[in-house]
Each structure stands twice: as C-alpha cells, then as structure tokens.
Amino acid sequence: MSLRTPRPGRWRAAPAVWSVAFTASVGPASAQSNYGIVVPPPPTEPVLLASAEVPNLRVVPLVTGLENPWGMAFRANGDILVTERDSGKLRVIRDGRLLERDIPGVPEVYSGRWRAGLMDVALHPDDDALVYLSYSKPATWEGEEGFFTVALARGRLVDDELTDVRDLFVVDSVDLGIAASRLLFAPDGTLFMSVGGSYVFAETGELAQDPRSHYGKLLRLNDDGSAPADNPFVGDPAYLPEIYTLGHRNQLGLAYHPLTGDLWATENGPQGGDEANIIRAGTNYGWPIASESREYTGRWVSGEPWSPTYPRPEILWWPSVAPSGLAFYTGDDFPAWKGNLFVGSLMVGRIGGTGHLERIVFNARGEEIRREWLLTELKQRIRDVRQGPDGRLYILTDEANGALLRLEPAPASE
C-alpha cells in the first residue's frame, strides 16, 4: 500500500461503540532515554525552586500515576477531569485525590499508532456537565482496518458516568501520520479544534495547504459540531466550511491573551522552527511552504524560511522545544509574572529528559524581551499548562507515570 491519504468518501469510521478498547501498560517508575538521560519519577512531595523573579517557588504534586495525560478541565464543583492518551481513559481528581475508577462511556479510542489516542477535554461554558473530547477514532479504508481519523465527541456527565455520548464532528478522511487535537471554547460560545497535518503525500499534495482537507487546520465549530455561518470560508466551495485558519503542522496549545483578546496557538516543527502564533480568521500560516524547520533527516523543510505571504510567528524556537499547552498568567500569587506567557516543552533539540516549563516576558508593546526555563530539574515532558479557577498554574507531565503539578508561592522561611 502506498503512503497516501485516502480521498474523502473512500473511508468510513468504525461503528460508534462507547467503550474503552485497551489498557496501556505503565512503564517503570524511572526510565532512561535513548540519549542516556535518566528520567526520574515525578516528585511525591513539594519541591522548592527559584525563578529569576520569584525567589521562593513551590511545586506541589497533586496526584501521580496518570498514564501519559494529555488535557485537563476544571469543573465548578472542584473536580479536575484529565484525559489519558494511551489508555483512552477520562480520569477524575477530586479533593486532591485521583479516583481509582475512570469515567465510563468514553468513545472507543484508536491507539495503534504513535501519539494517537484520547486527546483533549473541554467543558461547555454554560453547562460544565457537557463534556467535549477530541480523540483518534478507529476507521477503515477500502475495507482495510488499522486506520483512524480525528473526531469530536460530546457526552453528559451524570454521577461520574458519560451518558448520551455521540460524535459531533469527524474529520474528512483517515490519518496516516500524527494529527494532534486541542480544544478551546471562545468567548462567543464557539469551539476551536486544532487538527494536525504534518505529512506530505504525492497524490494529494500537502494536507495543511489543501482547502478540502481538515488536516493541518484550526477549525471553528458551533457547540453542536456544525460550522458557524460567519466562518471565513463559508460559501466558498473551494474550502471546507469548518476551516478557520490553515497551513499548520501540529498545534498543541490554544489560549486567549487576557488583555488583547487575541487567540494564541503553539505549533510544533520537526526540528526547530517551533512557533507561537496569533490566530487571525482566514489566514494561511505557511506550513510547509515557508518554515524555519529541518526535517528529522536533517534537511531543511523549505528553501524559504520566511515569506511576506505568511505571517511571521510571534515566538520562534530554535532548537525545537516541542511546545505544548500554553497559558497567560493573570493570578495574584506571583505579581512579577502577570502578563507572562507559560508554555510547556516536551523536549529540547529532540533529546529526551529535557522537558520544562518556559516563561516568556513581553514589553508594554507586546514584544518578547526574555525567556526563562522552569522545572528543568524534574526532567519531565510538559504536556499541558492551565491557569486554574484559583489563579494558580497547573501542569500535566506526559509520562507513563504522569503527574498533575501546581505552582504556588513558598514562604521565605522554607
């Protein structure tokens, strides 16, 4: 079989069977990467650290034992919902404790390919019992199994069980690469859903530049999965109506700037050329035509690192830090951090055990002026960072023994 993406209409998703189809094994408490860096287990007691502008910082492990967690959402009752990518489980953290029983009713999740699985979780802004999940959905193509697509499901959480679960939206064709998906509700009640698209195929061209494919796009949906009437390409037969922006590789983080109201997104390049972009409706961000990245083989992705046709990124990383979730800090615990951008890093320069939390500082004009790496001592892959309802920063580590951490000030006496 040639490596290509099937054209729309030649595939079908597997029947909707709402059950978890597998359980991933948990790795050892301490592992060694291919590069000789020993990755320790997450801390089980508070860790005291210092930052350039916060000399007394405490990292509090709320729970450990999460299997490669991917996304989190905060309920009004204090519960924190966490997705586990490989196991396909939706977990509950209640009163500072990880419940042993996961939430039943999650859709069947495909995990047969690297980085496929259960991805993000989001709660409806008007009813936090309505749970939205992005996930890798099993699919067949021309009668063959072993394929998957990306889907958005919704269910109602009742007595710690998902009920009335159904797919609201399913991506147009099957996936042969990595198609990560992050979710974020907008202030107007619409839902943003990123769909990765990092691969080039001879028959279909680059999916990220293909207006008839959902891959490599940021989608904007109504809360029922339909396309809003004011999406930028609605009415243009050359484009799928759900597309909000295009020309992306893998967007792993979405967040609104608290002052400007701009939507920001992090985007992974292969090696270097990672980006954080301000999202503008109808914009093409250039992947892979213009890119600062190298392929995994070492060759440049593009002979044109930048073009006036496409917007330049607000933040650029070289070497790669594999940026993931992001959050703008507005809390009161750390006044010196207000307005700073916090971005999770999975690894630096393709070297395992180098994940960290990155703090980016801006001037009064919104221009970057300095960066700081935090949590490097933990050597953990940082998958997501969110500001919680209490104003504190919460961090998920993407490890076989993953953890939910919280940053808080430490008394000077400690």
Protein backbone atom coordinates (compact mmCIF):
# COMPACT_ATOMS: atom_id res chain seq x y z
CA MET A 1 0.00 0.00 0.00
CA SER A 2 1.43 3.39 -0.94
CA LEU A 3 1.77 6.04 1.74
CA ARG A 4 -1.03 8.43 0.93
CA THR A 5 -4.11 9.89 2.49
CA PRO A 6 -7.34 8.44 1.11
CA ARG A 7 -9.53 10.93 -0.65
CA PRO A 8 -12.80 11.89 1.07
CA GLY A 9 -15.58 9.41 0.51
CA ARG A 10 -13.38 6.32 0.33
CA TRP A 11 -13.24 5.66 4.05
CA ARG A 12 -15.70 5.09 6.83
CA ALA A 13 -15.37 5.40 10.54
CA ALA A 14 -15.82 2.33 12.66
CA PRO A 15 -19.21 1.95 14.38
CA ALA A 16 -19.63 4.05 17.49
CA VAL A 17 -19.10 1.61 20.35
CA TRP A 18 -18.80 3.65 23.52
CA SER A 19 -16.24 1.67 25.45
CA VAL A 20 -12.53 1.80 26.10
CA ALA A 21 -10.87 -0.75 23.86
CA PHE A 22 -7.49 -1.14 25.50
CA THR A 23 -5.34 -0.51 28.53
CA ALA A 24 -1.74 0.59 28.09
CA SER A 25 0.90 -0.80 30.37
CA VAL A 26 2.56 1.54 32.79
CA GLY A 27 6.29 1.97 32.39
CA PRO A 28 8.85 1.81 35.16
CA ALA A 29 8.95 4.49 37.81
CA SER A 30 12.30 5.62 36.45
CA ALA A 31 13.35 5.28 32.82
CA GLN A 32 16.46 6.05 30.77
CA SER A 33 16.14 7.81 27.44
CA ASN A 34 17.99 6.78 24.29
CA TYR A 35 20.45 9.57 24.99
CA GLY A 36 21.50 8.37 28.42
CA ILE A 37 19.49 10.91 30.43
CA VAL A 38 17.78 9.24 33.37
CA VAL A 39 14.21 10.48 33.71
CA PRO A 40 13.24 10.28 37.39
CA PRO A 41 9.71 9.61 38.60
CA PRO A 42 7.67 12.73 39.34
CA PRO A 43 8.02 14.21 42.80
CA THR A 44 5.69 12.95 45.51
CA GLU A 45 6.44 15.79 47.93
CA PRO A 46 6.58 19.57 47.34
CA VAL A 47 9.76 20.77 45.64
CA LEU A 48 11.27 24.17 46.34
CA LEU A 49 12.67 26.03 43.34
CA ALA A 50 13.70 29.57 42.50
CA SER A 51 12.94 31.69 39.47
CA ALA A 52 14.56 34.87 38.20
CA GLU A 53 11.74 36.97 39.60
CA VAL A 54 10.16 34.62 42.14
CA PRO A 55 12.86 33.50 44.59
CA ASN A 56 10.54 31.25 46.61
CA LEU A 57 8.57 28.89 44.41
CA ARG A 58 6.95 25.64 45.44
CA VAL A 59 5.99 22.84 43.03
CA VAL A 60 3.22 20.78 44.61
CA PRO A 61 2.44 17.32 43.17
CA LEU A 62 -1.33 16.96 43.46
CA VAL A 63 -1.52 13.44 42.02
CA THR A 64 0.78 10.95 40.29
CA GLY A 65 0.02 7.69 38.49
CA LEU A 66 -1.58 9.24 35.40
CA GLU A 67 -0.78 7.37 32.17
CA ASN A 68 0.51 9.91 29.66
CA PRO A 69 -2.08 12.58 30.48
CA TRP A 70 -2.96 14.94 27.63
CA GLY A 71 -5.56 17.52 28.66
CA MET A 72 -7.42 18.80 31.72
CA ALA A 73 -10.58 20.73 32.53
CA PHE A 74 -11.84 22.29 35.77
CA ARG A 75 -15.43 21.86 36.95
CA ALA A 76 -17.29 24.29 39.18
CA ASN A 77 -17.58 21.61 41.91
CA GLY A 78 -13.77 21.47 42.21
CA ASP A 79 -13.27 18.28 40.16
CA ILE A 80 -10.46 18.21 37.61
CA LEU A 81 -11.02 15.99 34.57
CA VAL A 82 -7.87 14.59 32.93
CA THR A 83 -7.54 12.61 29.70
CA GLU A 84 -5.02 9.77 29.36
CA ARG A 85 -3.85 9.48 25.77
CA ASP A 86 -2.78 5.85 25.51
CA SER A 87 -5.27 4.21 27.88
CA GLY A 88 -8.18 6.17 26.43
CA LYS A 89 -9.43 6.94 29.93
CA LEU A 90 -11.05 10.03 31.36
CA ARG A 91 -9.93 10.39 34.97
CA VAL A 92 -11.26 12.43 37.89
CA ILE A 93 -9.22 14.27 40.50
CA ARG A 94 -11.47 15.03 43.46
CA ASP A 95 -10.47 16.71 46.70
CA GLY A 96 -6.82 16.33 45.75
CA ARG A 97 -7.11 12.59 45.06
CA LEU A 98 -7.09 10.63 41.79
CA LEU A 99 -10.18 8.43 41.78
CA GLU A 100 -9.35 4.81 41.08
CA ARG A 101 -12.38 4.38 38.81
CA ASP A 102 -12.23 6.16 35.47
CA ILE A 103 -15.35 7.62 33.87
CA PRO A 104 -17.19 5.03 31.76
CA GLY A 105 -18.79 5.96 28.46
CA VAL A 106 -15.72 7.36 26.70
CA PRO A 107 -15.73 6.53 22.95
CA GLU A 108 -13.62 3.68 21.64
CA VAL A 109 -10.18 5.15 21.07
CA TYR A 110 -7.63 4.05 18.48
CA SER A 111 -4.10 3.65 19.81
CA GLY A 112 -2.34 1.54 17.21
CA ARG A 113 -0.05 4.32 16.02
CA TRP A 114 2.42 6.52 17.85
CA ARG A 115 0.74 9.51 19.50
CA ALA A 116 -2.81 8.51 18.59
CA GLY A 117 -5.35 8.23 21.38
CA LEU A 118 -7.61 10.28 23.63
CA MET A 119 -6.56 13.89 23.45
CA ASP A 120 -8.21 17.00 24.84
CA VAL A 121 -11.18 17.62 27.11
CA ALA A 122 -13.26 20.81 27.27
CA LEU A 123 -16.40 21.74 29.18
CA HIS A 124 -19.32 23.72 27.80
CA PRO A 125 -19.08 27.28 29.16
CA ASP A 126 -22.78 27.34 30.11
CA ASP A 127 -23.07 23.76 31.42
CA ASP A 128 -19.94 22.04 32.71
CA ALA A 129 -21.69 18.67 32.76
CA LEU A 130 -21.42 18.70 28.94
CA VAL A 131 -18.01 17.18 28.22
CA TYR A 132 -16.27 17.50 24.85
CA LEU A 133 -13.48 15.09 23.88
CA SER A 134 -11.15 15.06 20.87
CA TYR A 135 -9.80 11.62 20.05
CA SER A 136 -8.39 9.23 17.44
CA LYS A 137 -11.37 7.32 16.07
CA PRO A 138 -10.90 3.86 14.52
CA ALA A 139 -11.70 3.81 10.81
CA THR A 140 -11.46 1.56 7.79
CA TRP A 141 -10.34 2.41 4.29
CA GLU A 142 -11.33 0.36 1.26
CA GLY A 143 -12.29 -2.47 3.59
CA GLU A 144 -8.98 -2.46 5.46
CA GLU A 145 -8.74 -1.84 9.18
CA GLY A 146 -5.89 -0.24 11.12
CA PHE A 147 -6.64 3.35 10.18
CA PHE A 148 -8.02 6.21 12.22
CA THR A 149 -9.43 9.67 11.90
CA VAL A 150 -9.90 12.52 14.37
CA ALA A 151 -13.26 13.11 15.98
CA LEU A 152 -15.04 15.37 18.45
CA ALA A 153 -17.46 13.66 20.83
CA ARG A 154 -19.81 15.08 23.44
CA GLY A 155 -21.46 13.46 26.42
CA ARG A 156 -23.25 14.47 29.59
CA LEU A 157 -21.54 13.71 32.88
CA VAL A 158 -24.04 12.19 35.31
CA ASP A 159 -22.93 10.51 38.55
CA ASP A 160 -19.38 10.13 37.25
CA GLU A 161 -20.50 8.49 34.01
CA LEU A 162 -20.71 9.88 30.48
CA THR A 163 -24.19 9.49 29.03
CA ASP A 164 -25.78 10.37 25.67
CA VAL A 165 -22.33 10.22 24.05
CA ARG A 166 -22.14 10.88 20.33
CA ASP A 167 -19.74 12.22 17.74
CA LEU A 168 -20.46 15.84 16.82
CA PHE A 169 -17.76 16.11 14.17
CA VAL A 170 -15.47 13.67 12.34
CA VAL A 171 -12.51 14.77 10.21
CA ASP A 172 -12.96 14.27 6.46
CA SER A 173 -10.52 11.38 5.85
CA VAL A 174 -8.29 8.86 7.61
CA ASP A 175 -4.91 9.75 9.05
CA LEU A 176 -1.52 8.27 8.24
CA GLY A 177 0.56 10.49 10.48
CA ILE A 178 0.30 12.47 13.69
CA ALA A 179 -2.85 14.55 14.00
CA ALA A 180 -2.99 16.09 17.46
CA SER A 181 -6.09 17.98 18.52
CA ARG A 182 -6.53 20.70 21.14
CA LEU A 183 -9.91 22.21 22.14
CA LEU A 184 -10.83 25.68 23.38
CA PHE A 185 -14.17 27.41 23.76
CA ALA A 186 -14.21 31.00 22.52
CA PRO A 187 -15.94 33.84 24.38
CA ASP A 188 -18.77 33.74 21.83
CA GLY A 189 -19.50 30.09 22.66
CA THR A 190 -17.98 28.57 19.53
CA LEU A 191 -15.38 25.82 19.85
CA PHE A 192 -11.90 25.85 18.35
CA MET A 193 -10.45 22.45 17.45
CA SER A 194 -6.93 22.04 16.09
CA VAL A 195 -6.22 19.14 13.75
CA GLY A 196 -2.59 18.37 12.95
CA GLY A 197 -1.28 17.66 9.49
CA SER A 198 2.44 17.12 9.36
CA TYR A 199 2.87 14.83 6.37
CA VAL A 200 3.30 15.41 2.64
CA PHE A 201 1.67 12.98 0.19
CA ALA A 202 2.39 12.77 -3.51
CA GLU A 203 -1.21 12.23 -4.60
CA THR A 204 -2.97 14.88 -2.55
CA GLY A 205 -0.25 17.46 -2.06
CA GLU A 206 0.43 18.94 1.35
CA LEU A 207 -2.65 18.42 3.50
CA ALA A 208 -2.04 21.57 5.52
CA GLN A 209 -2.39 23.60 2.32
CA ASP A 210 -5.33 21.61 0.95
CA PRO A 211 -8.58 23.59 1.49
CA ARG A 212 -10.60 20.37 1.01
CA SER A 213 -8.93 18.63 3.97
CA HIS A 214 -9.35 19.27 7.68
CA TYR A 215 -5.76 18.21 8.41
CA GLY A 216 -3.29 20.97 9.22
CA LYS A 217 -6.10 23.35 10.11
CA LEU A 218 -7.63 25.18 13.03
CA LEU A 219 -11.36 24.53 12.90
CA ARG A 220 -14.14 26.63 14.42
CA LEU A 221 -17.36 24.83 15.28
CA ASN A 222 -20.67 25.54 16.93
CA ASP A 223 -21.27 23.67 20.17
CA ASP A 224 -23.23 21.06 18.20
CA GLY A 225 -20.33 20.42 15.80
CA SER A 226 -21.72 22.39 12.87
CA ALA A 227 -19.88 25.16 11.04
CA PRO A 228 -20.70 28.72 12.19
CA ALA A 229 -22.26 30.86 9.49
CA ASP A 230 -19.59 33.56 9.98
CA ASN A 231 -16.57 31.28 9.48
CA PRO A 232 -14.18 32.90 6.97
CA PHE A 233 -14.66 30.38 4.15
CA VAL A 234 -18.37 29.63 4.44
CA GLY A 235 -19.90 29.88 0.99
CA ASP A 236 -16.61 29.26 -0.82
CA PRO A 237 -16.90 25.82 -2.49
CA ALA A 238 -13.11 25.51 -2.61
CA TYR A 239 -12.89 25.29 1.20
CA LEU A 240 -14.43 23.13 3.87
CA PRO A 241 -16.72 25.38 5.93
CA GLU A 242 -15.25 24.40 9.31
CA ILE A 243 -11.80 25.81 8.44
CA TYR A 244 -10.81 28.93 10.39
CA THR A 245 -7.07 29.02 9.54
CA LEU A 246 -4.78 26.73 7.53
CA GLY A 247 -1.12 25.98 6.88
CA HIS A 248 -0.39 24.43 10.29
CA ARG A 249 1.69 21.43 11.29
CA ASN A 250 0.66 20.35 14.82
CA GLN A 251 -0.96 22.89 17.13
CA LEU A 252 -0.73 21.62 20.70
CA GLY A 253 -1.81 24.68 22.67
CA LEU A 254 -4.56 27.32 22.47
CA ALA A 255 -5.13 30.27 24.80
CA TYR A 256 -6.56 33.79 24.77
CA HIS A 257 -4.47 36.80 25.70
CA PRO A 258 -6.18 38.37 28.73
CA LEU A 259 -5.69 42.00 27.59
CA THR A 260 -5.79 41.98 23.80
CA GLY A 261 -8.30 39.16 23.42
CA ASP A 262 -6.11 37.62 20.72
CA LEU A 263 -6.12 33.85 20.28
CA TRP A 264 -2.63 32.35 20.53
CA ALA A 265 -1.56 28.88 19.38
CA THR A 266 1.65 26.88 19.74
CA GLU A 267 2.79 24.86 16.76
CA ASN A 268 5.44 22.12 16.53
CA GLY A 269 8.03 21.98 13.78
CA PRO A 270 10.02 18.76 13.26
CA GLN A 271 13.44 20.08 14.36
CA GLY A 272 13.49 23.77 15.21
CA GLY A 273 11.07 26.27 13.80
CA ASP A 274 8.52 25.74 16.57
CA GLU A 275 6.12 28.67 16.74
CA ALA A 276 3.60 30.57 18.80
CA ASN A 277 1.20 32.45 16.54
CA ILE A 278 -1.60 34.97 16.93
CA ILE A 279 -4.56 33.47 15.10
CA ARG A 280 -6.40 35.61 12.56
CA ALA A 281 -9.51 34.33 10.77
CA GLY A 282 -8.90 33.10 7.23
CA THR A 283 -5.08 33.28 7.48
CA ASN A 284 -2.65 30.80 5.95
CA TYR A 285 0.36 30.26 8.26
CA GLY A 286 2.57 28.75 5.59
CA TRP A 287 3.43 25.17 6.60
CA PRO A 288 5.37 23.65 4.84
CA ILE A 289 5.96 26.24 2.12
CA ALA A 290 7.77 28.63 4.46
CA SER A 291 9.34 27.15 7.57
CA GLU A 292 12.36 27.57 9.85
CA SER A 293 12.36 23.79 10.48
CA ARG A 294 14.59 20.93 9.50
CA GLU A 295 13.12 17.52 8.73
CA TYR A 296 14.03 14.64 11.06
CA THR A 297 16.56 13.60 8.42
CA GLY A 298 18.33 16.94 8.84
CA ARG A 299 17.41 18.59 5.55
CA TRP A 300 15.53 21.89 5.55
CA VAL A 301 11.76 21.64 5.21
CA SER A 302 11.68 24.62 2.90
CA GLY A 303 14.16 26.72 0.98
CA GLU A 304 12.15 29.72 2.13
CA PRO A 305 12.29 30.14 5.92
CA TRP A 306 10.07 33.21 5.76
CA SER A 307 7.81 34.77 3.17
CA PRO A 308 5.83 38.04 3.20
CA THR A 309 2.87 35.94 2.04
CA TYR A 310 2.53 34.42 5.52
CA PRO A 311 2.58 36.00 8.98
CA ARG A 312 5.78 35.67 10.98
CA PRO A 313 5.40 33.85 14.30
CA GLU A 314 5.19 35.90 17.48
CA ILE A 315 7.54 33.42 19.18
CA LEU A 316 10.09 31.24 17.39
CA TRP A 317 12.11 28.40 18.92
CA TRP A 318 15.42 27.10 17.66
CA PRO A 319 16.36 24.44 18.63
CA SER A 320 13.00 22.80 18.96
CA VAL A 321 11.37 22.69 22.40
CA ALA A 322 8.25 20.80 21.19
CA PRO A 323 5.85 23.42 22.63
CA SER A 324 2.59 22.08 24.00
CA GLY A 325 -0.06 23.73 26.18
CA LEU A 326 0.13 27.43 26.98
CA ALA A 327 -1.39 29.91 29.42
CA PHE A 328 -1.15 33.62 30.12
CA TYR A 329 -0.72 34.25 33.82
CA THR A 330 -3.22 36.65 35.45
CA GLY A 331 -3.16 35.36 39.04
CA ASP A 332 -2.24 37.14 42.26
CA ASP A 333 0.28 34.67 43.73
CA PHE A 334 3.15 35.94 41.59
CA PRO A 335 2.72 39.65 40.76
CA ALA A 336 6.03 39.69 38.85
CA TRP A 337 4.62 37.10 36.44
CA LYS A 338 1.43 38.91 35.46
CA GLY A 339 1.04 39.00 31.69
CA ASN A 340 3.78 36.40 31.17
CA LEU A 341 3.19 33.52 28.78
CA PHE A 342 3.85 29.99 30.09
CA VAL A 343 4.45 27.24 27.52
CA GLY A 344 5.00 23.54 28.16
CA SER A 345 8.01 21.90 26.50
CA LEU A 346 8.11 18.16 25.76
CA MET A 347 11.84 18.04 24.92
CA VAL A 348 14.65 20.27 23.67
CA GLY A 349 16.54 19.53 20.48
CA ARG A 350 14.95 16.08 20.18
CA ILE A 351 16.71 14.95 23.39
CA GLY A 352 14.61 13.09 25.94
CA GLY A 353 14.55 14.15 29.57
CA THR A 354 14.83 17.85 28.70
CA GLY A 355 11.20 18.93 29.02
CA HIS A 356 10.45 22.07 31.01
CA LEU A 357 8.05 24.96 31.55
CA GLU A 358 9.04 28.06 29.63
CA ARG A 359 8.21 31.59 30.83
CA ILE A 360 8.15 34.34 28.20
CA VAL A 361 8.14 38.02 29.17
CA PHE A 362 6.83 40.85 26.98
CA ASN A 363 7.32 44.60 26.96
CA ALA A 364 4.48 47.14 27.01
CA ARG A 365 4.11 46.78 23.22
CA GLY A 366 3.62 43.02 23.48
CA GLU A 367 7.08 42.20 22.12
CA GLU A 368 9.17 39.38 23.58
CA ILE A 369 12.10 40.55 25.71
CA ARG A 370 13.27 37.49 27.68
CA ARG A 371 12.67 33.83 28.48
CA GLU A 372 13.22 31.56 31.45
CA TRP A 373 13.18 27.78 31.75
CA LEU A 374 11.47 26.37 34.84
CA LEU A 375 11.13 22.81 36.19
CA THR A 376 14.20 21.61 34.28
CA GLU A 377 15.27 19.69 37.41
CA LEU A 378 12.24 17.40 37.06
CA LYS A 379 13.23 16.26 33.52
CA GLN A 380 9.56 15.70 32.67
CA ARG A 381 7.70 16.14 29.39
CA ILE A 382 5.26 19.02 29.99
CA ARG A 383 2.10 18.32 28.03
CA ASP A 384 -0.30 20.99 29.26
CA VAL A 385 -0.34 24.11 31.41
CA ARG A 386 -3.50 25.91 32.51
CA GLN A 387 -4.41 28.60 34.98
CA GLY A 388 -6.97 27.14 37.34
CA PRO A 389 -10.04 28.84 38.83
CA ASP A 390 -7.92 29.61 41.91
CA GLY A 391 -5.49 31.64 39.78
CA ARG A 392 -2.66 29.13 40.12
CA LEU A 393 -0.78 27.36 37.35
CA TYR A 394 -1.49 23.64 36.87
CA ILE A 395 0.87 21.44 34.85
CA LEU A 396 0.48 17.95 33.36
CA THR A 397 3.57 15.81 32.77
CA ASP A 398 3.30 13.46 29.80
CA GLU A 399 5.00 10.36 31.19
CA ALA A 400 3.96 6.75 31.79
CA ASN A 401 3.83 7.80 35.44
CA GLY A 402 2.46 11.26 34.79
CA ALA A 403 1.59 13.87 37.37
CA LEU A 404 -0.53 16.93 37.91
CA LEU A 405 1.58 19.67 39.49
CA ARG A 406 0.65 23.07 40.88
CA LEU A 407 2.88 26.12 41.24
CA GLU A 408 2.41 28.25 44.36
CA PRO A 409 4.48 30.68 46.41
CA ALA A 410 6.61 29.23 49.18
CA PRO A 411 7.07 31.11 52.47
CA ALA A 412 10.51 32.70 52.70
CA SER A 413 11.25 30.59 55.77
CA GLU A 414 11.16 27.42 53.66
